[in-house]
Every structure is written in structure tokens, then in C-alpha cells.
């Protein structure tokens, strides 16, 4: 079995939050958008994203409205990290 290993704890947590309650395909699509836009996913980069930009990255299909609120926890969590 092959499993992705993310050594940075913040990045691993964000990856986990993004993947909650969605399909593997949606998770990979959203994670690719975030990785492409941010490069390394760090608290600073997440905090510097306007919420609208994060929402645009995590949009996957028309049923995403309830999920967007869940994903915004990433932005809120980044604010709690002491950097």
C-alpha cells in the first residue's frame, strides 16, 4: 500500500482538513489547487490569503457551499499558530 507522507505537521493537518468529508478525487483536485497557488503550505501563506481566494481554491462542485465553511477552519487555525 502506498501512502503520502507529509513531514511538516501544519501541512499534514491542512491536508487532512481539506480531505474531510469529500471524495478522494475532490480532495486531490483541491489539494493540487492549494499547492499550486501556495507552493509550500505554511501558516503565513494561508493567513495572507484573502478568504475569497481560499474559497475559490476549495470550490469543487456546485454542492460545496456547506463544505466551504468547514474548509475556512484552515484559515482560522493558521491564525493560532505562533510564527
C-alpha atoms as a PDB file:
ATOM      1  CA  UNK A   1       0.000   0.000   0.000  1.00  0.00           C
ATOM      2  CA  UNK A   2       1.300   3.441  -0.947  1.00  0.00           C
ATOM      3  CA  UNK A   3       0.556   6.344   1.386  1.00  0.00           C
ATOM      4  CA  UNK A   4       1.526  10.004   1.116  1.00  0.00           C
ATOM      5  CA  UNK A   5       3.775  11.170   3.945  1.00  0.00           C
ATOM      6  CA  UNK A   6       3.798  14.869   4.762  1.00  0.00           C
ATOM      7  CA  UNK A   7       6.601  15.576   7.240  1.00  0.00           C
ATOM      8  CA  UNK A   8       5.528  19.136   8.140  1.00  0.00           C
ATOM      9  CA  UNK A   9       2.806  18.929  10.796  1.00  0.00           C
ATOM     10  CA  UNK A  10       0.925  22.085   9.755  1.00  0.00           C
ATOM     11  CA  UNK A  11       0.860  20.991   6.114  1.00  0.00           C
ATOM     12  CA  UNK A  12      -0.273  17.490   7.132  1.00  0.00           C
ATOM     13  CA  UNK A  13      -3.071  18.960   9.255  1.00  0.00           C
ATOM     14  CA  UNK A  14      -4.259  21.246   6.452  1.00  0.00           C
ATOM     15  CA  UNK A  15      -4.160  18.296   4.034  1.00  0.00           C
ATOM     16  CA  UNK A  16      -6.283  16.297   6.475  1.00  0.00           C
ATOM     17  CA  UNK A  17      -8.800  19.110   6.963  1.00  0.00           C
ATOM     18  CA  UNK A  18      -9.123  19.583   3.210  1.00  0.00           C
ATOM     19  CA  UNK A  19      -9.850  15.863   2.783  1.00  0.00           C
ATOM     20  CA  UNK A  20     -12.573  15.565   5.389  1.00  0.00           C
ATOM     21  CA  UNK A  21     -15.991  14.522   4.126  1.00  0.00           C
ATOM     22  CA  UNK A  22     -15.163  14.658   0.412  1.00  0.00           C
ATOM     23  CA  UNK A  23     -14.185  12.125  -2.214  1.00  0.00           C
ATOM     24  CA  UNK A  24     -10.568  11.245  -2.892  1.00  0.00           C
ATOM     25  CA  UNK A  25     -10.835  12.825  -6.348  1.00  0.00           C
ATOM     26  CA  UNK A  26     -12.181  16.092  -4.923  1.00  0.00           C
ATOM     27  CA  UNK A  27      -9.500  16.042  -2.214  1.00  0.00           C
ATOM     28  CA  UNK A  28      -6.697  15.640  -4.754  1.00  0.00           C
ATOM     29  CA  UNK A  29      -8.122  18.372  -7.008  1.00  0.00           C
ATOM     30  CA  UNK A  30      -8.469  20.856  -4.153  1.00  0.00           C
ATOM     31  CA  UNK A  31      -5.054  19.986  -2.696  1.00  0.00           C
ATOM     32  CA  UNK A  32      -3.440  20.462  -6.121  1.00  0.00           C
ATOM     33  CA  UNK A  33      -5.053  23.915  -6.424  1.00  0.00           C
ATOM     34  CA  UNK A  34      -3.787  24.879  -2.963  1.00  0.00           C
ATOM     35  CA  UNK A  35      -0.297  23.516  -3.601  1.00  0.00           C
ATOM     36  CA  UNK A  36      -0.079  25.217  -6.999  1.00  0.00           C
ATOM     37  CA  UNK A  37      -1.180  28.552  -5.546  1.00  0.00           C
ATOM     38  CA  UNK A  38       0.828  28.443  -2.324  1.00  0.00           C
ATOM     39  CA  UNK A  39       3.811  26.241  -3.096  1.00  0.00           C
ATOM     40  CA  UNK A  40       4.648  25.242   0.456  1.00  0.00           C
ATOM     41  CA  UNK A  41       1.524  25.369   2.635  1.00  0.00           C
ATOM     42  CA  UNK A  42       2.524  27.388   5.698  1.00  0.00           C
ATOM     43  CA  UNK A  43       0.529  29.307   8.319  1.00  0.00           C
ATOM     44  CA  UNK A  44       1.888  32.579   6.925  1.00  0.00           C
ATOM     45  CA  UNK A  45       0.817  31.809   3.365  1.00  0.00           C
ATOM     46  CA  UNK A  46      -2.632  30.643   4.462  1.00  0.00           C
ATOM     47  CA  UNK A  47      -3.080  33.746   6.629  1.00  0.00           C
ATOM     48  CA  UNK A  48      -2.030  36.046   3.793  1.00  0.00           C
ATOM     49  CA  UNK A  49      -4.694  34.574   1.526  1.00  0.00           C
ATOM     50  CA  UNK A  50      -7.881  36.577   1.404  1.00  0.00           C
ATOM     51  CA  UNK A  51     -10.776  34.297   2.451  1.00  0.00           C
ATOM     52  CA  UNK A  52     -12.244  34.693  -1.047  1.00  0.00           C
ATOM     53  CA  UNK A  53      -9.053  33.268  -2.585  1.00  0.00           C
ATOM     54  CA  UNK A  54      -9.162  30.264  -0.267  1.00  0.00           C
ATOM     55  CA  UNK A  55     -12.826  29.756  -1.111  1.00  0.00           C
ATOM     56  CA  UNK A  56     -12.021  29.839  -4.840  1.00  0.00           C
ATOM     57  CA  UNK A  57      -9.281  27.221  -4.371  1.00  0.00           C
ATOM     58  CA  UNK A  58     -11.518  24.826  -2.487  1.00  0.00           C
ATOM     59  CA  UNK A  59     -14.517  25.108  -4.794  1.00  0.00           C
ATOM     60  CA  UNK A  60     -15.021  21.756  -6.465  1.00  0.00           C
ATOM     61  CA  UNK A  61     -18.663  21.498  -7.441  1.00  0.00           C
ATOM     62  CA  UNK A  62     -21.975  23.280  -7.028  1.00  0.00           C
ATOM     63  CA  UNK A  63     -22.704  21.436  -3.757  1.00  0.00           C
ATOM     64  CA  UNK A  64     -19.689  22.906  -1.999  1.00  0.00           C
ATOM     65  CA  UNK A  65     -21.357  25.716  -0.056  1.00  0.00           C
ATOM     66  CA  UNK A  66     -21.559  23.747   3.238  1.00  0.00           C
ATOM     67  CA  UNK A  67     -18.008  22.471   2.779  1.00  0.00           C
ATOM     68  CA  UNK A  68     -16.542  25.932   2.258  1.00  0.00           C
ATOM     69  CA  UNK A  69     -17.402  26.869   5.845  1.00  0.00           C
ATOM     70  CA  UNK A  70     -15.627  23.718   7.025  1.00  0.00           C
ATOM     71  CA  UNK A  71     -12.520  24.497   4.962  1.00  0.00           C
ATOM     72  CA  UNK A  72     -12.351  28.043   6.271  1.00  0.00           C
ATOM     73  CA  UNK A  73     -11.204  26.460   9.539  1.00  0.00           C
ATOM     74  CA  UNK A  74      -7.806  26.156   7.845  1.00  0.00           C
ATOM     75  CA  UNK A  75      -7.567  29.938   7.663  1.00  0.00           C
ATOM     76  CA  UNK A  76      -8.785  30.344  11.247  1.00  0.00           C
ATOM     77  CA  UNK A  77      -6.394  27.682  12.517  1.00  0.00           C
ATOM     78  CA  UNK A  78      -3.419  29.321  10.809  1.00  0.00           C
ATOM     79  CA  UNK A  79      -4.078  32.429  12.873  1.00  0.00           C
ATOM     80  CA  UNK A  80      -3.494  30.459  16.066  1.00  0.00           C
ATOM     81  CA  UNK A  81      -0.004  29.277  15.072  1.00  0.00           C
ATOM     82  CA  UNK A  82       2.822  31.152  16.767  1.00  0.00           C
ATOM     83  CA  UNK A  83       5.163  32.029  13.898  1.00  0.00           C
END
